[in-house]
C-alpha atoms as a PDB file:
ATOM      1  CA  UNK A   1     116.282  72.314 109.702  1.00  0.00           C
ATOM      2  CA  UNK A   2     118.105  74.562 106.391  1.00  0.00           C
ATOM      3  CA  UNK A   3     116.170  76.876 105.104  1.00  0.00           C
ATOM      4  CA  UNK A   4     116.275  76.349 101.162  1.00  0.00           C
ATOM      5  CA  UNK A   5     114.446  78.104  98.126  1.00  0.00           C
ATOM      6  CA  UNK A   6     113.767  75.984  94.956  1.00  0.00           C
ATOM      7  CA  UNK A   7     112.391  78.968  93.044  1.00  0.00           C
ATOM      8  CA  UNK A   8     113.932  80.990  90.441  1.00  0.00           C
ATOM      9  CA  UNK A   9     114.613  83.943  91.256  1.00  0.00           C
ATOM     10  CA  UNK A  10     115.237  85.537  87.870  1.00  0.00           C
ATOM     11  CA  UNK A  11     111.566  84.744  86.817  1.00  0.00           C
ATOM     12  CA  UNK A  12     110.063  86.016  89.653  1.00  0.00           C
ATOM     13  CA  UNK A  13     108.652  89.490  88.425  1.00  0.00           C
ATOM     14  CA  UNK A  14     108.592  91.304  92.129  1.00  0.00           C
ATOM     15  CA  UNK A  15     112.105  91.012  92.684  1.00  0.00           C
ATOM     16  CA  UNK A  16     112.695  93.317  90.052  1.00  0.00           C
ATOM     17  CA  UNK A  17     113.821  96.818  91.581  1.00  0.00           C
ATOM     18  CA  UNK A  18     113.232  99.794  89.058  1.00  0.00           C
ATOM     19  CA  UNK A  19     116.454 102.434  89.592  1.00  0.00           C
ATOM     20  CA  UNK A  20     115.548 106.205  89.125  1.00  0.00           C
ATOM     21  CA  UNK A  21     117.479 107.444  86.110  1.00  0.00           C
ATOM     22  CA  UNK A  22     118.300 110.810  87.341  1.00  0.00           C
ATOM     23  CA  UNK A  23     119.784 114.249  85.451  1.00  0.00           C
ATOM     24  CA  UNK A  24     123.469 114.967  86.579  1.00  0.00           C
ATOM     25  CA  UNK A  25     122.021 118.550  87.830  1.00  0.00           C
ATOM     26  CA  UNK A  26     119.651 117.023  90.070  1.00  0.00           C
ATOM     27  CA  UNK A  27     122.557 114.965  91.923  1.00  0.00           C
ATOM     28  CA  UNK A  28     124.796 117.716  91.329  1.00  0.00           C
ATOM     29  CA  UNK A  29     122.488 118.978  93.741  1.00  0.00           C
ATOM     30  CA  UNK A  30     121.207 115.883  95.845  1.00  0.00           C
ATOM     31  CA  UNK A  31     124.913 115.865  96.753  1.00  0.00           C
ATOM     32  CA  UNK A  32     124.252 119.118  98.317  1.00  0.00           C
ATOM     33  CA  UNK A  33     121.953 118.511 100.473  1.00  0.00           C
ATOM     34  CA  UNK A  34     122.958 114.820 101.365  1.00  0.00           C
ATOM     35  CA  UNK A  35     126.043 116.576 102.708  1.00  0.00           C
ATOM     36  CA  UNK A  36     124.076 119.013 104.839  1.00  0.00           C
ATOM     37  CA  UNK A  37     121.815 116.916 106.016  1.00  0.00           C
ATOM     38  CA  UNK A  38     124.310 114.053 107.278  1.00  0.00           C
ATOM     39  CA  UNK A  39     126.620 116.719 108.794  1.00  0.00           C
ATOM     40  CA  UNK A  40     123.358 117.614 110.385  1.00  0.00           C
ATOM     41  CA  UNK A  41     122.664 114.419 111.899  1.00  0.00           C
ATOM     42  CA  UNK A  42     126.283 113.474 112.703  1.00  0.00           C
ATOM     43  CA  UNK A  43     126.174 116.956 114.709  1.00  0.00           C
ATOM     44  CA  UNK A  44     123.451 116.350 116.501  1.00  0.00           C
ATOM     45  CA  UNK A  45     124.243 112.654 117.303  1.00  0.00           C
ATOM     46  CA  UNK A  46     120.844 111.557 115.408  1.00  0.00           C
ATOM     47  CA  UNK A  47     120.977 108.393 114.354  1.00  0.00           C
ATOM     48  CA  UNK A  48     121.208 104.838 116.151  1.00  0.00           C
ATOM     49  CA  UNK A  49     124.804 103.307 116.311  1.00  0.00           C
ATOM     50  CA  UNK A  50     122.771 100.492 115.609  1.00  0.00           C
ATOM     51  CA  UNK A  51     122.960 100.941 111.798  1.00  0.00           C
ATOM     52  CA  UNK A  52     125.701 100.303 110.065  1.00  0.00           C
ATOM     53  CA  UNK A  53     124.949 101.149 106.019  1.00  0.00           C
ATOM     54  CA  UNK A  54     125.373 104.254 104.247  1.00  0.00           C
ATOM     55  CA  UNK A  55     127.133 105.710 107.628  1.00  0.00           C
ATOM     56  CA  UNK A  56     130.883 106.636 107.326  1.00  0.00           C
ATOM     57  CA  UNK A  57     133.714 104.419 108.899  1.00  0.00           C
ATOM     58  CA  UNK A  58     130.741 101.672 108.983  1.00  0.00           C
ATOM     59  CA  UNK A  59     130.317  98.394 106.643  1.00  0.00           C
ATOM     60  CA  UNK A  60     129.107  95.400 106.142  1.00  0.00           C
ATOM     61  CA  UNK A  61     132.331  94.253 107.895  1.00  0.00           C
ATOM     62  CA  UNK A  62     131.441  96.611 111.102  1.00  0.00           C
ATOM     63  CA  UNK A  63     128.211  94.755 111.375  1.00  0.00           C
ATOM     64  CA  UNK A  64     129.149  91.460 111.070  1.00  0.00           C
ATOM     65  CA  UNK A  65     131.708  92.423 113.872  1.00  0.00           C
ATOM     66  CA  UNK A  66     129.193  93.957 115.917  1.00  0.00           C
ATOM     67  CA  UNK A  67     126.490  90.762 115.906  1.00  0.00           C
ATOM     68  CA  UNK A  68     129.407  88.005 116.066  1.00  0.00           C
ATOM     69  CA  UNK A  69     131.363  89.841 118.865  1.00  0.00           C
ATOM     70  CA  UNK A  70     127.849  89.732 120.661  1.00  0.00           C
ATOM     71  CA  UNK A  71     127.260  86.051 120.208  1.00  0.00           C
ATOM     72  CA  UNK A  72     130.527  85.079 120.826  1.00  0.00           C
ATOM     73  CA  UNK A  73     130.002  86.751 124.437  1.00  0.00           C
ATOM     74  CA  UNK A  74     127.204  84.915 125.527  1.00  0.00           C
ATOM     75  CA  UNK A  75     128.751  81.730 124.321  1.00  0.00           C
ATOM     76  CA  UNK A  76     131.725  82.810 126.607  1.00  0.00           C
ATOM     77  CA  UNK A  77     129.267  83.528 129.294  1.00  0.00           C
ATOM     78  CA  UNK A  78     127.480  79.447 129.123  1.00  0.00           C
ATOM     79  CA  UNK A  79     124.334  81.312 127.507  1.00  0.00           C
ATOM     80  CA  UNK A  80     122.041  80.563 124.414  1.00  0.00           C
ATOM     81  CA  UNK A  81     121.721  83.508 121.782  1.00  0.00           C
ATOM     82  CA  UNK A  82     118.565  83.492 119.735  1.00  0.00           C
ATOM     83  CA  UNK A  83     118.566  86.109 116.563  1.00  0.00           C
ATOM     84  CA  UNK A  84     115.968  86.680 114.811  1.00  0.00           C
ATOM     85  CA  UNK A  85     116.271  88.073 110.939  1.00  0.00           C
ATOM     86  CA  UNK A  86     114.323  89.866 109.036  1.00  0.00           C
ATOM     87  CA  UNK A  87     113.045  90.279 105.650  1.00  0.00           C
ATOM     88  CA  UNK A  88     111.777  93.533 104.602  1.00  0.00           C
ATOM     89  CA  UNK A  89     109.469  92.929 101.375  1.00  0.00           C
ATOM     90  CA  UNK A  90     110.591  95.965  99.091  1.00  0.00           C
ATOM     91  CA  UNK A  91     111.454  98.243 101.966  1.00  0.00           C
ATOM     92  CA  UNK A  92     113.118 101.421  99.942  1.00  0.00           C
ATOM     93  CA  UNK A  93     109.496 101.436  97.679  1.00  0.00           C
ATOM     94  CA  UNK A  94     107.763 100.941 100.560  1.00  0.00           C
ATOM     95  CA  UNK A  95     108.394 103.925 102.355  1.00  0.00           C
ATOM     96  CA  UNK A  96     105.449 106.061 102.826  1.00  0.00           C
ATOM     97  CA  UNK A  97     106.265 109.517 101.803  1.00  0.00           C
ATOM     98  CA  UNK A  98     103.604 111.547 104.989  1.00  0.00           C
ATOM     99  CA  UNK A  99     105.340 109.125 107.974  1.00  0.00           C
ATOM    100  CA  UNK A 100     108.887 110.052 106.117  1.00  0.00           C
ATOM    101  CA  UNK A 101     108.295 113.850 106.063  1.00  0.00           C
ATOM    102  CA  UNK A 102     107.217 113.519 109.860  1.00  0.00           C
ATOM    103  CA  UNK A 103     110.008 111.559 111.281  1.00  0.00           C
ATOM    104  CA  UNK A 104     112.383 114.342 108.950  1.00  0.00           C
ATOM    105  CA  UNK A 105     110.017 116.979 111.320  1.00  0.00           C
ATOM    106  CA  UNK A 106     110.609 115.461 114.401  1.00  0.00           C
ATOM    107  CA  UNK A 107     113.857 115.194 114.219  1.00  0.00           C
ATOM    108  CA  UNK A 108     114.529 118.578 113.541  1.00  0.00           C
ATOM    109  CA  UNK A 109     114.214 119.622 109.949  1.00  0.00           C
ATOM    110  CA  UNK A 110     112.568 123.371 109.436  1.00  0.00           C
ATOM    111  CA  UNK A 111     109.128 123.239 107.307  1.00  0.00           C
ATOM    112  CA  UNK A 112     111.307 124.864 104.274  1.00  0.00           C
ATOM    113  CA  UNK A 113     113.761 121.751 104.294  1.00  0.00           C
ATOM    114  CA  UNK A 114     110.255 119.780 104.542  1.00  0.00           C
ATOM    115  CA  UNK A 115     109.151 121.694 101.569  1.00  0.00           C
ATOM    116  CA  UNK A 116     111.827 120.656  99.434  1.00  0.00           C
ATOM    117  CA  UNK A 117     111.747 116.795 100.323  1.00  0.00           C
ATOM    118  CA  UNK A 118     107.830 116.965  99.669  1.00  0.00           C
ATOM    119  CA  UNK A 119     108.824 118.040  96.056  1.00  0.00           C
ATOM    120  CA  UNK A 120     111.941 115.827  95.929  1.00  0.00           C
ATOM    121  CA  UNK A 121     109.426 112.405  96.870  1.00  0.00           C
ATOM    122  CA  UNK A 122     106.124 113.811  94.902  1.00  0.00           C
ATOM    123  CA  UNK A 123     105.552 113.707  91.249  1.00  0.00           C
ATOM    124  CA  UNK A 124     107.635 110.901  90.054  1.00  0.00           C
ATOM    125  CA  UNK A 125     106.196 108.586  87.628  1.00  0.00           C
ATOM    126  CA  UNK A 126     108.085 104.658  86.374  1.00  0.00           C
ATOM    127  CA  UNK A 127     107.443 102.758  83.759  1.00  0.00           C
ATOM    128  CA  UNK A 128     109.241  99.862  81.912  1.00  0.00           C
ATOM    129  CA  UNK A 129     111.318  99.619  78.470  1.00  0.00           C
ATOM    130  CA  UNK A 130     112.160  95.885  77.067  1.00  0.00           C
ATOM    131  CA  UNK A 131     113.185  95.826  73.486  1.00  0.00           C
ATOM    132  CA  UNK A 132     112.132  99.031  72.673  1.00  0.00           C
ATOM    133  CA  UNK A 133     108.783  98.318  73.740  1.00  0.00           C
ATOM    134  CA  UNK A 134     107.502 100.531  76.920  1.00  0.00           C
ATOM    135  CA  UNK A 135     104.722 100.172  79.018  1.00  0.00           C
ATOM    136  CA  UNK A 136     102.511 103.868  80.394  1.00  0.00           C
ATOM    137  CA  UNK A 137     103.882 105.517  82.862  1.00  0.00           C
ATOM    138  CA  UNK A 138     102.840 104.835  86.609  1.00  0.00           C
ATOM    139  CA  UNK A 139     103.079 107.440  89.870  1.00  0.00           C
ATOM    140  CA  UNK A 140     105.334 106.584  92.321  1.00  0.00           C
ATOM    141  CA  UNK A 141     103.071 107.076  95.202  1.00  0.00           C
ATOM    142  CA  UNK A 142     105.983 105.666  98.358  1.00  0.00           C
ATOM    143  CA  UNK A 143     109.312 105.026  98.364  1.00  0.00           C
ATOM    144  CA  UNK A 144     112.723 106.732  97.756  1.00  0.00           C
ATOM    145  CA  UNK A 145     114.234 106.731  94.540  1.00  0.00           C
ATOM    146  CA  UNK A 146     116.833 103.786  94.019  1.00  0.00           C
ATOM    147  CA  UNK A 147     119.961 104.997  92.595  1.00  0.00           C
ATOM    148  CA  UNK A 148     119.281 108.629  94.229  1.00  0.00           C
ATOM    149  CA  UNK A 149     122.396 109.934  96.426  1.00  0.00           C
ATOM    150  CA  UNK A 150     119.877 111.109  98.437  1.00  0.00           C
ATOM    151  CA  UNK A 151     117.525 107.549  98.670  1.00  0.00           C
ATOM    152  CA  UNK A 152     119.871 105.652 101.084  1.00  0.00           C
ATOM    153  CA  UNK A 153     120.137 108.124 103.787  1.00  0.00           C
ATOM    154  CA  UNK A 154     116.458 109.030 103.813  1.00  0.00           C
ATOM    155  CA  UNK A 155     115.360 105.097 104.221  1.00  0.00           C
ATOM    156  CA  UNK A 156     118.820 105.292 107.045  1.00  0.00           C
ATOM    157  CA  UNK A 157     116.223 107.837 108.930  1.00  0.00           C
ATOM    158  CA  UNK A 158     112.581 106.444 108.154  1.00  0.00           C
ATOM    159  CA  UNK A 159     114.089 103.591 109.921  1.00  0.00           C
ATOM    160  CA  UNK A 160     116.030 104.810 112.516  1.00  0.00           C
ATOM    161  CA  UNK A 161     113.660 104.252 115.330  1.00  0.00           C
ATOM    162  CA  UNK A 162     113.252 100.195 115.195  1.00  0.00           C
ATOM    163  CA  UNK A 163     115.579  99.700 117.671  1.00  0.00           C
ATOM    164  CA  UNK A 164     113.575 101.965 120.467  1.00  0.00           C
ATOM    165  CA  UNK A 165     111.079  99.187 120.797  1.00  0.00           C
ATOM    166  CA  UNK A 166     113.278  96.099 121.352  1.00  0.00           C
ATOM    167  CA  UNK A 167     114.074  97.455 123.965  1.00  0.00           C
ATOM    168  CA  UNK A 168     114.787  93.598 125.965  1.00  0.00           C
ATOM    169  CA  UNK A 169     116.941  92.288 122.864  1.00  0.00           C
ATOM    170  CA  UNK A 170     119.537  94.326 120.654  1.00  0.00           C
ATOM    171  CA  UNK A 171     119.197  95.088 117.234  1.00  0.00           C
ATOM    172  CA  UNK A 172     121.442  95.801 114.481  1.00  0.00           C
ATOM    173  CA  UNK A 173     120.984  96.986 111.409  1.00  0.00           C
ATOM    174  CA  UNK A 174     123.131  97.239 107.598  1.00  0.00           C
ATOM    175  CA  UNK A 175     119.922  99.192 105.298  1.00  0.00           C
ATOM    176  CA  UNK A 176     116.926  97.104 105.916  1.00  0.00           C
ATOM    177  CA  UNK A 177     119.178  93.756 106.349  1.00  0.00           C
ATOM    178  CA  UNK A 178     117.941  93.675 110.341  1.00  0.00           C
ATOM    179  CA  UNK A 179     118.400  91.113 113.567  1.00  0.00           C
ATOM    180  CA  UNK A 180     117.210  91.075 116.497  1.00  0.00           C
ATOM    181  CA  UNK A 181     119.315  89.148 119.131  1.00  0.00           C
ATOM    182  CA  UNK A 182     119.376  88.104 122.609  1.00  0.00           C
ATOM    183  CA  UNK A 183     121.058  85.921 125.291  1.00  0.00           C
ATOM    184  CA  UNK A 184     119.400  83.735 128.183  1.00  0.00           C
ATOM    185  CA  UNK A 185     120.593  80.907 129.988  1.00  0.00           C
ATOM    186  CA  UNK A 186     118.466  78.692 128.728  1.00  0.00           C
ATOM    187  CA  UNK A 187     115.970  78.467 125.859  1.00  0.00           C
ATOM    188  CA  UNK A 188     112.561  78.720 127.672  1.00  0.00           C
ATOM    189  CA  UNK A 189     113.381  82.721 128.505  1.00  0.00           C
ATOM    190  CA  UNK A 190     115.293  82.933 125.107  1.00  0.00           C
ATOM    191  CA  UNK A 191     111.777  82.423 123.063  1.00  0.00           C
ATOM    192  CA  UNK A 192     109.839  84.091 125.749  1.00  0.00           C
ATOM    193  CA  UNK A 193     112.202  87.506 125.029  1.00  0.00           C
ATOM    194  CA  UNK A 194     112.155  86.904 121.433  1.00  0.00           C
ATOM    195  CA  UNK A 195     108.965  86.260 121.145  1.00  0.00           C
ATOM    196  CA  UNK A 196     108.071  89.885 123.063  1.00  0.00           C
ATOM    197  CA  UNK A 197     110.357  91.253 120.992  1.00  0.00           C
ATOM    198  CA  UNK A 198     109.073  90.164 117.704  1.00  0.00           C
ATOM    199  CA  UNK A 199     105.621  91.222 118.373  1.00  0.00           C
ATOM    200  CA  UNK A 200     106.564  94.609 119.397  1.00  0.00           C
ATOM    201  CA  UNK A 201     109.138  94.651 115.748  1.00  0.00           C
ATOM    202  CA  UNK A 202     105.517  93.426 113.914  1.00  0.00           C
ATOM    203  CA  UNK A 203     103.622  96.659 115.323  1.00  0.00           C
ATOM    204  CA  UNK A 204     106.401  99.001 114.456  1.00  0.00           C
ATOM    205  CA  UNK A 205     106.154  97.833 111.003  1.00  0.00           C
ATOM    206  CA  UNK A 206     102.368  97.888 110.860  1.00  0.00           C
ATOM    207  CA  UNK A 207     102.254 101.654 112.272  1.00  0.00           C
ATOM    208  CA  UNK A 208     105.157 102.329 109.613  1.00  0.00           C
ATOM    209  CA  UNK A 209     103.049 100.874 106.433  1.00  0.00           C
ATOM    210  CA  UNK A 210     106.473  98.578 105.672  1.00  0.00           C
ATOM    211  CA  UNK A 211     105.890  94.611 105.090  1.00  0.00           C
ATOM    212  CA  UNK A 212     108.140  91.698 106.349  1.00  0.00           C
ATOM    213  CA  UNK A 213     108.132  88.922 103.942  1.00  0.00           C
ATOM    214  CA  UNK A 214     107.799  86.030 107.071  1.00  0.00           C
ATOM    215  CA  UNK A 215     108.537  83.284 104.878  1.00  0.00           C
ATOM    216  CA  UNK A 216     111.965  84.572 104.299  1.00  0.00           C
ATOM    217  CA  UNK A 217     112.293  86.093 108.265  1.00  0.00           C
ATOM    218  CA  UNK A 218     113.628  83.311 110.182  1.00  0.00           C
ATOM    219  CA  UNK A 219     115.201  82.488 113.539  1.00  0.00           C
ATOM    220  CA  UNK A 220     118.542  80.612 114.576  1.00  0.00           C
ATOM    221  CA  UNK A 221     120.363  79.620 117.298  1.00  0.00           C
ATOM    222  CA  UNK A 222     123.977  80.318 118.482  1.00  0.00           C
ATOM    223  CA  UNK A 223     125.860  78.319 121.230  1.00  0.00           C
ATOM    224  CA  UNK A 224     128.608  76.184 122.174  1.00  0.00           C
ATOM    225  CA  UNK A 225     128.301  72.915 120.857  1.00  0.00           C
ATOM    226  CA  UNK A 226     128.255  71.080 124.485  1.00  0.00           C
ATOM    227  CA  UNK A 227     125.338  73.949 125.225  1.00  0.00           C
ATOM    228  CA  UNK A 228     123.114  72.936 121.928  1.00  0.00           C
ATOM    229  CA  UNK A 229     123.246  69.563 122.558  1.00  0.00           C
ATOM    230  CA  UNK A 230     122.000  69.217 125.988  1.00  0.00           C
ATOM    231  CA  UNK A 231     118.459  70.613 124.036  1.00  0.00           C
ATOM    232  CA  UNK A 232     116.594  68.119 122.746  1.00  0.00           C
ATOM    233  CA  UNK A 233     114.616  70.841 120.614  1.00  0.00           C
ATOM    234  CA  UNK A 234     117.693  72.630 119.610  1.00  0.00           C
ATOM    235  CA  UNK A 235     114.993  75.086 117.823  1.00  0.00           C
ATOM    236  CA  UNK A 236     113.216  78.163 118.193  1.00  0.00           C
ATOM    237  CA  UNK A 237     109.515  78.729 118.411  1.00  0.00           C
ATOM    238  CA  UNK A 238     108.527  82.291 117.713  1.00  0.00           C
ATOM    239  CA  UNK A 239     105.422  83.195 115.795  1.00  0.00           C
ATOM    240  CA  UNK A 240     103.903  85.396 113.707  1.00  0.00           C
ATOM    241  CA  UNK A 241     100.874  87.752 114.011  1.00  0.00           C
ATOM    242  CA  UNK A 242      99.330  85.598 110.973  1.00  0.00           C
ATOM    243  CA  UNK A 243      99.747  82.746 113.640  1.00  0.00           C
ATOM    244  CA  UNK A 244     102.261  81.376 111.703  1.00  0.00           C
ATOM    245  CA  UNK A 245     105.536  80.380 113.008  1.00  0.00           C
ATOM    246  CA  UNK A 246     109.270  81.662 111.849  1.00  0.00           C
ATOM    247  CA  UNK A 247     111.345  79.032 110.138  1.00  0.00           C
ATOM    248  CA  UNK A 248     114.699  78.302 112.201  1.00  0.00           C
ATOM    249  CA  UNK A 249     117.926  77.216 109.933  1.00  0.00           C
ATOM    250  CA  UNK A 250     121.025  76.036 111.152  1.00  0.00           C
ATOM    251  CA  UNK A 251     122.934  77.984 108.480  1.00  0.00           C
ATOM    252  CA  UNK A 252     122.152  81.406 107.405  1.00  0.00           C
ATOM    253  CA  UNK A 253     124.091  83.744 104.981  1.00  0.00           C
ATOM    254  CA  UNK A 254     123.909  87.235 106.455  1.00  0.00           C
ATOM    255  CA  UNK A 255     125.811  89.723 104.543  1.00  0.00           C
ATOM    256  CA  UNK A 256     127.759  87.558 102.684  1.00  0.00           C
ATOM    257  CA  UNK A 257     128.410  85.726 105.552  1.00  0.00           C
ATOM    258  CA  UNK A 258     127.662  82.508 105.993  1.00  0.00           C
ATOM    259  CA  UNK A 259     126.770  82.214 109.731  1.00  0.00           C
ATOM    260  CA  UNK A 260     126.936  78.576 111.874  1.00  0.00           C
ATOM    261  CA  UNK A 261     125.318  77.637 115.764  1.00  0.00           C
ATOM    262  CA  UNK A 262     128.750  77.191 116.921  1.00  0.00           C
ATOM    263  CA  UNK A 263     130.631  80.438 114.950  1.00  0.00           C
ATOM    264  CA  UNK A 264     132.891  78.641 113.594  1.00  0.00           C
ATOM    265  CA  UNK A 265     132.617  79.722 110.198  1.00  0.00           C
ATOM    266  CA  UNK A 266     133.510  76.455 109.063  1.00  0.00           C
ATOM    267  CA  UNK A 267     130.585  76.225 106.080  1.00  0.00           C
ATOM    268  CA  UNK A 268     131.837  79.966 105.204  1.00  0.00           C
ATOM    269  CA  UNK A 269     135.690  78.991 104.652  1.00  0.00           C
ATOM    270  CA  UNK A 270     134.141  75.827 103.075  1.00  0.00           C
ATOM    271  CA  UNK A 271     131.878  77.532 100.409  1.00  0.00           C
ATOM    272  CA  UNK A 272     134.508  79.807  99.781  1.00  0.00           C
ATOM    273  CA  UNK A 273     137.269  77.117  99.214  1.00  0.00           C
ATOM    274  CA  UNK A 274     134.409  75.560  96.352  1.00  0.00           C
ATOM    275  CA  UNK A 275     134.007  78.701  95.071  1.00  0.00           C
ATOM    276  CA  UNK A 276     137.525  79.810  94.023  1.00  0.00           C
ATOM    277  CA  UNK A 277     139.631  76.848  93.617  1.00  0.00           C
ATOM    278  CA  UNK A 278     137.864  75.701  90.251  1.00  0.00           C
ATOM    279  CA  UNK A 279     139.158  79.508  89.356  1.00  0.00           C
ATOM    280  CA  UNK A 280     142.225  78.555  90.903  1.00  0.00           C
ATOM    281  CA  UNK A 281     142.828  75.330  88.598  1.00  0.00           C
ATOM    282  CA  UNK A 282     141.532  77.405  85.623  1.00  0.00           C
ATOM    283  CA  UNK A 283     143.587  79.909  85.833  1.00  0.00           C
ATOM    284  CA  UNK A 284     146.788  77.379  86.349  1.00  0.00           C
ATOM    285  CA  UNK A 285     145.795  75.518  83.424  1.00  0.00           C
ATOM    286  CA  UNK A 286     145.854  78.425  81.481  1.00  0.00           C
ATOM    287  CA  UNK A 287     149.038  80.270  83.070  1.00  0.00           C
ATOM    288  CA  UNK A 288     150.724  79.757  79.939  1.00  0.00           C
ATOM    289  CA  UNK A 289     148.511  81.904  78.274  1.00  0.00           C
ATOM    290  CA  UNK A 290     148.603  84.748  80.676  1.00  0.00           C
ATOM    291  CA  UNK A 291     151.318  87.768  80.921  1.00  0.00           C
ATOM    292  CA  UNK A 292     152.931  88.653  84.332  1.00  0.00           C
ATOM    293  CA  UNK A 293     151.184  91.693  84.568  1.00  0.00           C
ATOM    294  CA  UNK A 294     148.133  90.086  83.839  1.00  0.00           C
ATOM    295  CA  UNK A 295     148.228  87.129  86.415  1.00  0.00           C
ATOM    296  CA  UNK A 296     149.140  89.840  88.787  1.00  0.00           C
ATOM    297  CA  UNK A 297     145.637  91.717  88.031  1.00  0.00           C
ATOM    298  CA  UNK A 298     143.383  88.685  87.726  1.00  0.00           C
ATOM    299  CA  UNK A 299     145.020  87.711  90.915  1.00  0.00           C
ATOM    300  CA  UNK A 300     144.173  91.219  92.193  1.00  0.00           C
ATOM    301  CA  UNK A 301     140.670  91.243  90.974  1.00  0.00           C
ATOM    302  CA  UNK A 302     140.000  87.569  93.008  1.00  0.00           C
ATOM    303  CA  UNK A 303     141.406  87.945  96.487  1.00  0.00           C
ATOM    304  CA  UNK A 304     138.846  91.011  98.075  1.00  0.00           C
ATOM    305  CA  UNK A 305     136.674  87.674  98.139  1.00  0.00           C
ATOM    306  CA  UNK A 306     139.269  85.366 100.750  1.00  0.00           C
ATOM    307  CA  UNK A 307     140.196  89.116 102.634  1.00  0.00           C
ATOM    308  CA  UNK A 308     136.190  89.806 102.885  1.00  0.00           C
ATOM    309  CA  UNK A 309     135.973  89.793 106.727  1.00  0.00           C
ATOM    310  CA  UNK A 310     138.841  87.868 107.667  1.00  0.00           C
ATOM    311  CA  UNK A 311     138.832  90.220 111.193  1.00  0.00           C
ATOM    312  CA  UNK A 312     135.462  88.499 111.973  1.00  0.00           C
ATOM    313  CA  UNK A 313     136.426  84.845 111.496  1.00  0.00           C
ATOM    314  CA  UNK A 314     140.333  85.223 112.820  1.00  0.00           C
ATOM    315  CA  UNK A 315     139.307  83.359 115.823  1.00  0.00           C
ATOM    316  CA  UNK A 316     137.871  79.965 113.894  1.00  0.00           C
ATOM    317  CA  UNK A 317     139.365  77.010 114.118  1.00  0.00           C
ATOM    318  CA  UNK A 318     143.053  76.411 112.894  1.00  0.00           C
ATOM    319  CA  UNK A 319     142.106  73.840 110.805  1.00  0.00           C
ATOM    320  CA  UNK A 320     139.188  75.720 108.797  1.00  0.00           C
ATOM    321  CA  UNK A 321     141.736  79.247 108.500  1.00  0.00           C
ATOM    322  CA  UNK A 322     144.348  76.637 106.842  1.00  0.00           C
ATOM    323  CA  UNK A 323     142.363  76.013 104.204  1.00  0.00           C
ATOM    324  CA  UNK A 324     141.889  79.795 103.295  1.00  0.00           C
ATOM    325  CA  UNK A 325     145.658  80.335 104.262  1.00  0.00           C
ATOM    326  CA  UNK A 326     147.116  77.324 101.674  1.00  0.00           C
ATOM    327  CA  UNK A 327     144.182  79.151  99.087  1.00  0.00           C
ATOM    328  CA  UNK A 328     145.532  82.192  99.533  1.00  0.00           C
ATOM    329  CA  UNK A 329     148.941  81.722  98.904  1.00  0.00           C
ATOM    330  CA  UNK A 330     148.485  79.415  95.752  1.00  0.00           C
ATOM    331  CA  UNK A 331     146.716  82.423  94.000  1.00  0.00           C
ATOM    332  CA  UNK A 332     149.896  84.276  95.498  1.00  0.00           C
ATOM    333  CA  UNK A 333     152.032  81.752  93.776  1.00  0.00           C
ATOM    334  CA  UNK A 334     150.356  81.674  90.722  1.00  0.00           C
ATOM    335  CA  UNK A 335     150.516  85.918  90.136  1.00  0.00           C
ATOM    336  CA  UNK A 336     154.437  86.069  91.323  1.00  0.00           C
ATOM    337  CA  UNK A 337     155.293  83.119  89.500  1.00  0.00           C
ATOM    338  CA  UNK A 338     157.414  81.856  92.575  1.00  0.00           C
ATOM    339  CA  UNK A 339     158.602  78.233  93.386  1.00  0.00           C
ATOM    340  CA  UNK A 340     157.195  75.876  96.104  1.00  0.00           C
ATOM    341  CA  UNK A 341     160.113  76.746  98.208  1.00  0.00           C
ATOM    342  CA  UNK A 342     159.543  80.229  98.172  1.00  0.00           C
ATOM    343  CA  UNK A 343     158.693  81.519 101.776  1.00  0.00           C
ATOM    344  CA  UNK A 344     155.227  83.217 101.687  1.00  0.00           C
ATOM    345  CA  UNK A 345     156.395  86.182 103.549  1.00  0.00           C
ATOM    346  CA  UNK A 346     158.724  86.912 100.571  1.00  0.00           C
ATOM    347  CA  UNK A 347     156.451  85.683  98.013  1.00  0.00           C
ATOM    348  CA  UNK A 348     153.952  88.356 100.069  1.00  0.00           C
ATOM    349  CA  UNK A 349     156.325  90.894  99.510  1.00  0.00           C
ATOM    350  CA  UNK A 350     156.855  90.847  96.120  1.00  0.00           C
ATOM    351  CA  UNK A 351     153.388  90.359  95.142  1.00  0.00           C
ATOM    352  CA  UNK A 352     152.576  93.836  97.235  1.00  0.00           C
ATOM    353  CA  UNK A 353     155.514  95.702  95.616  1.00  0.00           C
ATOM    354  CA  UNK A 354     154.234  94.316  92.382  1.00  0.00           C
ATOM    355  CA  UNK A 355     150.680  95.130  92.982  1.00  0.00           C
ATOM    356  CA  UNK A 356     151.716  98.508  94.131  1.00  0.00           C
ATOM    357  CA  UNK A 357     154.251  99.239  90.807  1.00  0.00           C
ATOM    358  CA  UNK A 358     157.338  99.402  92.521  1.00  0.00           C
END
């Protein structure tokens, strides 16, 4: 079934995160520590390759490419692929300081540096200020400072050993966005492996004093259309330690891209087109009010939404890709003010030169 939420998230206090307001000198010192710590872990190749977040030459696109490529390989081999998309509750805010310092020590960080990190995470406080009224400050007893330079790297180190507990499946992470997946010939084998792996992950989460939002942690089944049609019940059954069952979804937005069971990327392209077509119409209706320079600037801001993840869905059916090609060309034509007879190659070349200022 499709996973839908009818809650207005803007009214939920639990969805708001505190951002640390750090002085400039603190950030300069953080930058120095961050550079040294990052170089140290890169030199010793300590960070797991299953993490794409906050790492050089990695991004949400590389994470999507890795996961989707593995799923497509499973399809080519005639297998089903089952995936569990984990949702950590306030992951950055629940990092236990004692466990973090222990993991830093186990990674080879010396005692003097550990003392600095202990000072860095300790003795912080936070308060809420709205319309000139402020609450009383409360001590921050866990979590890494959000809005800091070192914080994301510290969280990456904290979660670095998660893949070690998933010996029978693949894991990929982008910060706390984590997916566990594996491919098997039939549904029974798939469920058995995923259940075993998820049980181990729950133990790891409890041991590290993190919290899993089981309402938003979902499973998804991937396979070729013919393979899925042969199943009487194309759903995964994975139980939780609280005797519940994870929800199985048929579509899921993962790192900004909608995934479907056959990885056709049709839903993603459809949603993207539905979002951008009204904007294109509004631009054309008001083009007489916009100068050529402004039109190019507007299109330059919109194009990244179309380009995002294009290497991931490049192999999508041509019927889906044609929608984006038409949309892309329409935006280019609006920006360059070319007529409909202009070849798209000439139009793109002119637009690229104009954006580059040539």
